Amino acid sequence: MTSYYGVPLMVKNKKGLVIEITDGVDYQYRGNLYYSLAKVTTIHLAEAMAKDLEMHNITAVAVSPGFLRSEAMLDIFGVTEENWQEGAKKDPHFIASETPFFIGRAIAALASDPSVHGKKGRALSSWELAREYGFTDIDGRRSDWGKYFEENVLNQS
């Protein structure tokens, strides 16, 4: 819906950035057909919009957070932002989580990058963008879900 109303304004101004939020940066199955379909579709939407909008100098990308430490997840783990590390007692991978501010900072970095058009159509991640742009989460940490997942989940299987 946002693109429906926002993209015509960008076309009129001959520039813009469309960012779709997804989960993951590839077309892998995500454990549930409908969830997987929604997230993969978002990645494809960014790719297709990038092609269709390129002639208007509009960049479209998809961005994925890592293990998101949202308000809902804090509730599920029975913790607050102040003691969120306690959530690792229920799920050890929660220790590598990031706040919603982290992906917000990723988006701010993209929006302020004069070369962002070079990323058109790509599926990006908060952790890759943090490495590239050097931002941290609000607690000063630089969560790297991709590295953590590879070292602690994939290699443990």
N, C-alpha and C. Protein backbone atom coordinates (compact mmCIF):
# COMPACT_ATOMS: atom_id res chain seq x y z
N MET A 1 0.82 -1.18 0.00
CA MET A 1 0.00 0.00 0.00
C MET A 1 0.87 1.26 0.00
N THR A 2 1.94 1.24 0.78
CA THR A 2 2.82 2.41 0.82
C THR A 2 3.41 2.67 -0.56
N SER A 3 3.84 1.62 -1.23
CA SER A 3 4.40 1.79 -2.57
C SER A 3 3.35 2.30 -3.55
N TYR A 4 2.12 1.85 -3.38
CA TYR A 4 1.04 2.28 -4.27
C TYR A 4 0.91 3.81 -4.25
N TYR A 5 1.01 4.39 -3.05
CA TYR A 5 0.87 5.84 -2.94
C TYR A 5 2.21 6.57 -3.02
N GLY A 6 3.27 5.94 -2.53
CA GLY A 6 4.57 6.60 -2.46
C GLY A 6 5.34 6.62 -3.76
N VAL A 7 5.30 5.53 -4.51
CA VAL A 7 6.10 5.44 -5.73
C VAL A 7 5.71 6.52 -6.75
N PRO A 8 4.43 6.83 -6.98
CA PRO A 8 4.13 7.91 -7.92
C PRO A 8 4.77 9.25 -7.53
N LEU A 9 4.90 9.50 -6.24
CA LEU A 9 5.58 10.73 -5.80
C LEU A 9 7.06 10.67 -6.14
N MET A 10 7.65 9.50 -5.98
CA MET A 10 9.06 9.33 -6.32
C MET A 10 9.27 9.47 -7.83
N VAL A 11 8.37 8.90 -8.62
CA VAL A 11 8.46 9.01 -10.08
C VAL A 11 8.41 10.48 -10.48
N LYS A 12 7.50 11.21 -9.86
CA LYS A 12 7.36 12.64 -10.16
C LYS A 12 8.65 13.40 -9.83
N ASN A 13 9.31 13.01 -8.73
CA ASN A 13 10.56 13.66 -8.31
C ASN A 13 11.81 13.08 -8.96
N LYS A 14 11.62 12.02 -9.74
CA LYS A 14 12.72 11.36 -10.46
C LYS A 14 13.81 10.82 -9.55
N LYS A 15 13.43 10.39 -8.36
CA LYS A 15 14.37 9.74 -7.45
C LYS A 15 13.60 9.14 -6.29
N GLY A 16 14.22 8.17 -5.62
CA GLY A 16 13.59 7.58 -4.45
C GLY A 16 14.23 6.27 -4.05
N LEU A 17 13.81 5.80 -2.89
CA LEU A 17 14.30 4.54 -2.34
C LEU A 17 13.12 3.80 -1.73
N VAL A 18 12.88 2.59 -2.21
CA VAL A 18 11.83 1.72 -1.68
C VAL A 18 12.53 0.58 -0.95
N ILE A 19 12.17 0.39 0.32
CA ILE A 19 12.77 -0.69 1.11
C ILE A 19 11.66 -1.60 1.61
N GLU A 20 11.76 -2.86 1.22
CA GLU A 20 10.83 -3.89 1.68
C GLU A 20 11.50 -4.63 2.83
N ILE A 21 10.78 -4.87 3.92
CA ILE A 21 11.31 -5.62 5.05
C ILE A 21 10.93 -7.08 4.88
N THR A 22 11.90 -7.96 5.04
CA THR A 22 11.68 -9.39 4.85
C THR A 22 12.32 -10.16 5.99
N ASP A 23 12.41 -11.45 5.83
CA ASP A 23 13.10 -12.32 6.79
C ASP A 23 14.00 -13.24 5.99
N GLY A 24 15.29 -12.99 6.06
CA GLY A 24 16.24 -13.76 5.28
C GLY A 24 16.57 -13.06 3.98
N VAL A 25 17.65 -13.50 3.36
CA VAL A 25 18.12 -12.83 2.14
C VAL A 25 18.16 -13.77 0.94
N ASP A 26 17.47 -14.90 1.05
CA ASP A 26 17.49 -15.88 -0.03
C ASP A 26 16.09 -16.46 -0.22
N TYR A 27 16.02 -17.44 -1.10
CA TYR A 27 14.73 -18.04 -1.43
C TYR A 27 14.51 -19.37 -0.71
N GLN A 28 15.20 -19.59 0.40
CA GLN A 28 15.07 -20.83 1.15
C GLN A 28 13.73 -20.91 1.87
N TYR A 29 13.26 -22.12 2.06
CA TYR A 29 12.04 -22.38 2.83
C TYR A 29 12.25 -21.93 4.27
N ARG A 30 11.23 -21.33 4.87
CA ARG A 30 11.34 -20.75 6.20
C ARG A 30 10.47 -21.47 7.24
N GLY A 31 10.17 -22.72 7.02
CA GLY A 31 9.50 -23.52 8.05
C GLY A 31 7.99 -23.57 7.99
N ASN A 32 7.38 -22.75 7.18
CA ASN A 32 5.93 -22.72 7.04
C ASN A 32 5.63 -22.17 5.65
N LEU A 33 4.77 -22.84 4.92
CA LEU A 33 4.50 -22.45 3.53
C LEU A 33 4.10 -20.99 3.41
N TYR A 34 3.12 -20.55 4.18
CA TYR A 34 2.58 -19.20 4.00
C TYR A 34 3.57 -18.13 4.46
N TYR A 35 4.26 -18.39 5.56
CA TYR A 35 5.29 -17.45 6.02
C TYR A 35 6.41 -17.36 4.99
N SER A 36 6.86 -18.51 4.54
CA SER A 36 7.93 -18.57 3.55
C SER A 36 7.52 -17.84 2.27
N LEU A 37 6.33 -18.09 1.81
CA LEU A 37 5.83 -17.44 0.61
C LEU A 37 5.80 -15.92 0.77
N ALA A 38 5.34 -15.44 1.91
CA ALA A 38 5.28 -14.00 2.15
C ALA A 38 6.67 -13.37 2.13
N LYS A 39 7.64 -14.02 2.73
CA LYS A 39 8.99 -13.45 2.81
C LYS A 39 9.73 -13.54 1.49
N VAL A 40 9.61 -14.65 0.79
CA VAL A 40 10.25 -14.80 -0.51
C VAL A 40 9.62 -13.83 -1.52
N THR A 41 8.32 -13.66 -1.43
CA THR A 41 7.62 -12.72 -2.31
C THR A 41 8.13 -11.31 -2.10
N THR A 42 8.42 -10.95 -0.87
CA THR A 42 8.93 -9.61 -0.57
C THR A 42 10.29 -9.38 -1.24
N ILE A 43 11.14 -10.41 -1.21
CA ILE A 43 12.44 -10.30 -1.88
C ILE A 43 12.23 -10.13 -3.38
N HIS A 44 11.33 -10.92 -3.95
CA HIS A 44 11.07 -10.81 -5.39
C HIS A 44 10.44 -9.46 -5.73
N LEU A 45 9.58 -8.96 -4.87
CA LEU A 45 8.97 -7.65 -5.09
C LEU A 45 10.05 -6.58 -5.21
N ALA A 46 11.04 -6.62 -4.34
CA ALA A 46 12.13 -5.63 -4.41
C ALA A 46 12.90 -5.78 -5.72
N GLU A 47 13.16 -7.02 -6.13
CA GLU A 47 13.86 -7.25 -7.40
C GLU A 47 13.06 -6.71 -8.58
N ALA A 48 11.78 -7.02 -8.61
CA ALA A 48 10.93 -6.59 -9.72
C ALA A 48 10.75 -5.08 -9.74
N MET A 49 10.54 -4.49 -8.57
CA MET A 49 10.40 -3.04 -8.51
C MET A 49 11.69 -2.35 -8.95
N ALA A 50 12.82 -2.91 -8.59
CA ALA A 50 14.11 -2.33 -9.00
C ALA A 50 14.20 -2.26 -10.52
N LYS A 51 13.79 -3.33 -11.18
CA LYS A 51 13.80 -3.35 -12.65
C LYS A 51 12.82 -2.34 -13.23
N ASP A 52 11.60 -2.37 -12.71
CA ASP A 52 10.55 -1.51 -13.26
C ASP A 52 10.79 -0.02 -12.99
N LEU A 53 11.46 0.29 -11.89
CA LEU A 53 11.62 1.69 -11.49
C LEU A 53 12.99 2.28 -11.82
N GLU A 54 13.88 1.45 -12.34
CA GLU A 54 15.24 1.92 -12.63
C GLU A 54 15.24 3.13 -13.56
N MET A 55 14.38 3.15 -14.56
CA MET A 55 14.34 4.26 -15.51
C MET A 55 13.93 5.57 -14.85
N HIS A 56 13.38 5.49 -13.64
CA HIS A 56 12.95 6.69 -12.91
C HIS A 56 13.94 7.07 -11.81
N ASN A 57 15.11 6.40 -11.79
CA ASN A 57 16.13 6.66 -10.78
C ASN A 57 15.63 6.32 -9.37
N ILE A 58 14.81 5.28 -9.29
CA ILE A 58 14.29 4.82 -8.00
C ILE A 58 14.92 3.47 -7.70
N THR A 59 15.45 3.35 -6.51
CA THR A 59 16.11 2.12 -6.06
C THR A 59 15.15 1.35 -5.17
N ALA A 60 15.08 0.04 -5.37
CA ALA A 60 14.28 -0.82 -4.50
C ALA A 60 15.18 -1.95 -4.00
N VAL A 61 15.10 -2.22 -2.70
CA VAL A 61 15.84 -3.31 -2.07
C VAL A 61 14.96 -3.96 -1.02
N ALA A 62 15.36 -5.15 -0.60
CA ALA A 62 14.73 -5.82 0.54
C ALA A 62 15.78 -5.84 1.65
N VAL A 63 15.35 -5.65 2.89
CA VAL A 63 16.27 -5.69 4.03
C VAL A 63 15.70 -6.62 5.09
N SER A 64 16.57 -7.47 5.60
CA SER A 64 16.19 -8.43 6.64
C SER A 64 16.89 -8.11 7.95
N PRO A 65 16.15 -8.11 9.05
CA PRO A 65 16.83 -8.07 10.35
C PRO A 65 17.36 -9.46 10.67
N GLY A 66 18.16 -9.53 11.72
CA GLY A 66 18.56 -10.82 12.26
C GLY A 66 17.47 -11.31 13.21
N PHE A 67 17.87 -11.97 14.27
CA PHE A 67 16.94 -12.42 15.31
C PHE A 67 16.43 -11.16 15.98
N LEU A 68 15.21 -10.77 15.68
CA LEU A 68 14.67 -9.48 16.10
C LEU A 68 14.19 -9.51 17.54
N ARG A 69 14.73 -8.61 18.33
CA ARG A 69 14.35 -8.48 19.74
C ARG A 69 13.23 -7.43 19.84
N SER A 70 12.11 -7.75 19.24
CA SER A 70 10.95 -6.85 19.22
C SER A 70 10.23 -6.90 20.56
N GLU A 71 9.27 -6.02 20.72
CA GLU A 71 8.46 -6.02 21.94
C GLU A 71 7.75 -7.36 22.12
N ALA A 72 7.28 -7.92 21.02
CA ALA A 72 6.60 -9.22 21.09
C ALA A 72 7.55 -10.31 21.56
N MET A 73 8.79 -10.30 21.05
CA MET A 73 9.76 -11.31 21.48
C MET A 73 10.15 -11.12 22.93
N LEU A 74 10.29 -9.89 23.37
CA LEU A 74 10.59 -9.63 24.78
C LEU A 74 9.49 -10.22 25.65
N ASP A 75 8.24 -10.03 25.23
CA ASP A 75 7.10 -10.60 25.97
C ASP A 75 7.15 -12.12 25.98
N ILE A 76 7.43 -12.72 24.83
CA ILE A 76 7.50 -14.18 24.73
C ILE A 76 8.56 -14.74 25.67
N PHE A 77 9.70 -14.06 25.75
CA PHE A 77 10.78 -14.52 26.61
C PHE A 77 10.64 -14.05 28.05
N GLY A 78 9.63 -13.22 28.32
CA GLY A 78 9.39 -12.75 29.68
C GLY A 78 10.48 -11.83 30.20
N VAL A 79 11.04 -11.01 29.30
CA VAL A 79 12.11 -10.09 29.68
C VAL A 79 11.78 -8.69 29.18
N THR A 80 12.61 -7.74 29.57
CA THR A 80 12.49 -6.37 29.08
C THR A 80 13.78 -6.03 28.33
N GLU A 81 13.82 -4.86 27.76
CA GLU A 81 15.04 -4.45 27.07
C GLU A 81 16.21 -4.32 28.06
N GLU A 82 15.90 -4.01 29.31
CA GLU A 82 16.95 -3.87 30.32
C GLU A 82 17.60 -5.20 30.69
N ASN A 83 16.84 -6.28 30.68
CA ASN A 83 17.40 -7.59 31.07
C ASN A 83 17.23 -8.64 29.97
N TRP A 84 17.25 -8.21 28.73
CA TRP A 84 16.95 -9.10 27.60
C TRP A 84 17.86 -10.31 27.53
N GLN A 85 19.10 -10.20 28.04
CA GLN A 85 20.03 -11.34 27.98
C GLN A 85 19.49 -12.55 28.72
N GLU A 86 18.59 -12.32 29.69
CA GLU A 86 17.97 -13.43 30.43
C GLU A 86 17.18 -14.34 29.49
N GLY A 87 16.74 -13.80 28.37
CA GLY A 87 15.99 -14.60 27.40
C GLY A 87 16.81 -15.75 26.83
N ALA A 88 18.13 -15.64 26.90
CA ALA A 88 19.00 -16.71 26.40
C ALA A 88 18.87 -17.98 27.23
N LYS A 89 18.27 -17.88 28.41
CA LYS A 89 18.02 -19.08 29.22
C LYS A 89 16.95 -19.95 28.56
N LYS A 90 16.02 -19.30 27.84
CA LYS A 90 14.96 -20.04 27.13
C LYS A 90 15.42 -20.46 25.73
N ASP A 91 16.18 -19.60 25.09
CA ASP A 91 16.70 -19.88 23.75
C ASP A 91 18.09 -19.26 23.67
N PRO A 92 19.13 -20.09 23.64
CA PRO A 92 20.49 -19.55 23.66
C PRO A 92 20.80 -18.62 22.48
N HIS A 93 20.08 -18.75 21.39
CA HIS A 93 20.32 -17.91 20.22
C HIS A 93 19.83 -16.47 20.42
N PHE A 94 19.01 -16.27 21.44
CA PHE A 94 18.49 -14.92 21.71
C PHE A 94 19.63 -13.96 22.07
N ILE A 95 20.76 -14.51 22.49
CA ILE A 95 21.90 -13.68 22.85
C ILE A 95 22.44 -12.90 21.64
N ALA A 96 22.14 -13.37 20.45
CA ALA A 96 22.60 -12.71 19.22
C ALA A 96 21.52 -11.82 18.62
N SER A 97 20.47 -11.55 19.37
CA SER A 97 19.35 -10.77 18.83
C SER A 97 19.70 -9.29 18.71
N GLU A 98 18.85 -8.59 17.97
CA GLU A 98 19.03 -7.15 17.74
C GLU A 98 17.70 -6.44 17.96
N THR A 99 17.77 -5.18 18.35
CA THR A 99 16.54 -4.40 18.53
C THR A 99 16.03 -3.93 17.17
N PRO A 100 14.77 -3.51 17.12
CA PRO A 100 14.26 -2.92 15.87
C PRO A 100 15.03 -1.67 15.45
N PHE A 101 15.71 -1.03 16.40
CA PHE A 101 16.50 0.15 16.06
C PHE A 101 17.68 -0.19 15.15
N PHE A 102 18.17 -1.43 15.26
CA PHE A 102 19.32 -1.84 14.45
C PHE A 102 18.97 -1.84 12.97
N ILE A 103 17.84 -2.44 12.62
CA ILE A 103 17.43 -2.41 11.21
C ILE A 103 17.03 -0.98 10.82
N GLY A 104 16.52 -0.22 11.77
CA GLY A 104 16.24 1.19 11.50
C GLY A 104 17.49 1.95 11.11
N ARG A 105 18.57 1.66 11.82
CA ARG A 105 19.85 2.30 11.50
C ARG A 105 20.38 1.81 10.15
N ALA A 106 20.12 0.56 9.83
CA ALA A 106 20.50 0.04 8.52
C ALA A 106 19.78 0.81 7.42
N ILE A 107 18.50 1.04 7.62
CA ILE A 107 17.70 1.77 6.64
C ILE A 107 18.16 3.21 6.54
N ALA A 108 18.47 3.84 7.67
CA ALA A 108 18.98 5.21 7.66
C ALA A 108 20.31 5.28 6.90
N ALA A 109 21.16 4.28 7.09
CA ALA A 109 22.44 4.25 6.37
C ALA A 109 22.21 4.13 4.87
N LEU A 110 21.29 3.27 4.47
CA LEU A 110 20.98 3.14 3.04
C LEU A 110 20.43 4.46 2.49
N ALA A 111 19.52 5.07 3.22
CA ALA A 111 18.88 6.29 2.75
C ALA A 111 19.87 7.44 2.61
N SER A 112 20.94 7.42 3.39
CA SER A 112 21.92 8.51 3.31
C SER A 112 23.11 8.19 2.40
N ASP A 113 23.10 7.02 1.80
CA ASP A 113 24.20 6.61 0.92
C ASP A 113 23.95 7.12 -0.50
N PRO A 114 24.78 8.02 -0.99
CA PRO A 114 24.56 8.53 -2.35
C PRO A 114 24.76 7.46 -3.43
N SER A 115 25.38 6.34 -3.06
CA SER A 115 25.61 5.25 -4.02
C SER A 115 24.64 4.09 -3.84
N VAL A 116 23.54 4.32 -3.14
CA VAL A 116 22.59 3.23 -2.84
C VAL A 116 22.05 2.58 -4.11
N HIS A 117 21.99 3.30 -5.20
CA HIS A 117 21.45 2.73 -6.43
C HIS A 117 22.23 1.49 -6.88
N GLY A 118 23.49 1.39 -6.48
CA GLY A 118 24.29 0.22 -6.80
C GLY A 118 23.81 -1.05 -6.11
N LYS A 119 22.93 -0.92 -5.14
CA LYS A 119 22.38 -2.07 -4.42
C LYS A 119 21.00 -2.47 -4.95
N LYS A 120 20.55 -1.84 -6.00
CA LYS A 120 19.18 -2.06 -6.50
C LYS A 120 18.86 -3.53 -6.70
N GLY A 121 17.67 -3.91 -6.25
CA GLY A 121 17.17 -5.26 -6.46
C GLY A 121 17.73 -6.31 -5.52
N ARG A 122 18.62 -5.94 -4.64
CA ARG A 122 19.26 -6.92 -3.76
C ARG A 122 18.48 -7.13 -2.48
N ALA A 123 18.69 -8.31 -1.90
CA ALA A 123 18.21 -8.61 -0.56
C ALA A 123 19.40 -8.42 0.37
N LEU A 124 19.28 -7.49 1.28
CA LEU A 124 20.36 -7.10 2.18
C LEU A 124 20.00 -7.49 3.61
N SER A 125 20.99 -7.51 4.48
CA SER A 125 20.72 -7.83 5.89
C SER A 125 21.26 -6.73 6.79
N SER A 126 20.66 -6.63 7.96
CA SER A 126 21.11 -5.62 8.93
C SER A 126 22.57 -5.84 9.29
N TRP A 127 22.98 -7.10 9.45
CA TRP A 127 24.36 -7.37 9.88
C TRP A 127 25.37 -7.04 8.78
N GLU A 128 25.03 -7.32 7.52
CA GLU A 128 25.94 -6.96 6.43
C GLU A 128 26.04 -5.44 6.31
N LEU A 129 24.92 -4.76 6.46
CA LEU A 129 24.93 -3.31 6.36
C LEU A 129 25.67 -2.68 7.54
N ALA A 130 25.60 -3.29 8.72
CA ALA A 130 26.36 -2.79 9.88
C ALA A 130 27.86 -2.91 9.62
N ARG A 131 28.26 -4.02 9.01
CA ARG A 131 29.68 -4.18 8.66
C ARG A 131 30.11 -3.10 7.67
N GLU A 132 29.26 -2.86 6.68
CA GLU A 132 29.61 -1.90 5.64
C GLU A 132 29.60 -0.46 6.13
N TYR A 133 28.57 -0.08 6.89
CA TYR A 133 28.40 1.32 7.27
C TYR A 133 28.90 1.64 8.68
N GLY A 134 29.17 0.62 9.50
CA GLY A 134 29.76 0.85 10.81
C GLY A 134 28.82 1.27 11.93
N PHE A 135 27.53 1.11 11.78
CA PHE A 135 26.60 1.49 12.86
C PHE A 135 26.47 0.37 13.89
N THR A 136 25.94 0.73 15.05
CA THR A 136 25.71 -0.24 16.12
C THR A 136 24.25 -0.17 16.56
N ASP A 137 23.86 -1.10 17.39
CA ASP A 137 22.52 -1.10 17.97
C ASP A 137 22.49 -0.06 19.09
N ILE A 138 21.32 0.19 19.65
CA ILE A 138 21.19 1.23 20.67
C ILE A 138 21.97 0.91 21.94
N ASP A 139 22.30 -0.35 22.15
CA ASP A 139 23.09 -0.71 23.33
C ASP A 139 24.59 -0.76 23.03
N GLY A 140 24.98 -0.32 21.84
CA GLY A 140 26.39 -0.28 21.46
C GLY A 140 26.91 -1.56 20.82
N ARG A 141 26.10 -2.61 20.84
CA ARG A 141 26.52 -3.88 20.25
C ARG A 141 26.36 -3.83 18.73
N ARG A 142 27.13 -4.67 18.06
CA ARG A 142 26.95 -4.84 16.62
C ARG A 142 26.62 -6.31 16.39
N SER A 143 25.35 -6.61 16.49
CA SER A 143 24.90 -7.98 16.29
C SER A 143 25.21 -8.42 14.86
N ASP A 144 25.65 -9.67 14.73
CA ASP A 144 25.93 -10.21 13.41
C ASP A 144 25.25 -11.57 13.33
N TRP A 145 23.94 -11.53 13.07
CA TRP A 145 23.16 -12.76 13.04
C TRP A 145 23.68 -13.74 12.00
N GLY A 146 24.11 -13.26 10.86
CA GLY A 146 24.62 -14.15 9.81
C GLY A 146 25.81 -14.96 10.29
N LYS A 147 26.77 -14.30 10.89
CA LYS A 147 27.96 -15.00 11.41
C LYS A 147 27.57 -15.92 12.56
N TYR A 148 26.73 -15.42 13.47
CA TYR A 148 26.30 -16.23 14.61
C TYR A 148 25.58 -17.49 14.12
N PHE A 149 24.66 -17.32 13.19
CA PHE A 149 23.88 -18.45 12.67
C PHE A 149 24.80 -19.49 12.03
N GLU A 150 25.73 -19.01 11.23
CA GLU A 150 26.66 -19.93 10.57
C GLU A 150 27.49 -20.71 11.60
N GLU A 151 27.99 -20.02 12.60
CA GLU A 151 28.87 -20.66 13.59
C GLU A 151 28.14 -21.51 14.62
N ASN A 152 26.91 -21.11 14.99
CA ASN A 152 26.23 -21.73 16.12
C ASN A 152 24.99 -22.54 15.78
N VAL A 153 24.49 -22.39 14.58
CA VAL A 153 23.30 -23.14 14.19
C VAL A 153 23.64 -24.09 13.04
N LEU A 154 24.10 -23.56 11.93
CA LEU A 154 24.42 -24.40 10.77
C LEU A 154 25.50 -25.42 11.08
N ASN A 155 26.57 -24.99 11.70
CA ASN A 155 27.70 -25.88 11.96
C ASN A 155 27.46 -26.82 13.13
N GLN A 156 26.34 -26.68 13.83
CA GLN A 156 26.00 -27.57 14.94
C GLN A 156 25.08 -28.69 14.50
N SER A 157 24.59 -28.60 13.27
CA SER A 157 23.64 -29.61 12.77
C SER A 157 24.33 -30.89 12.39
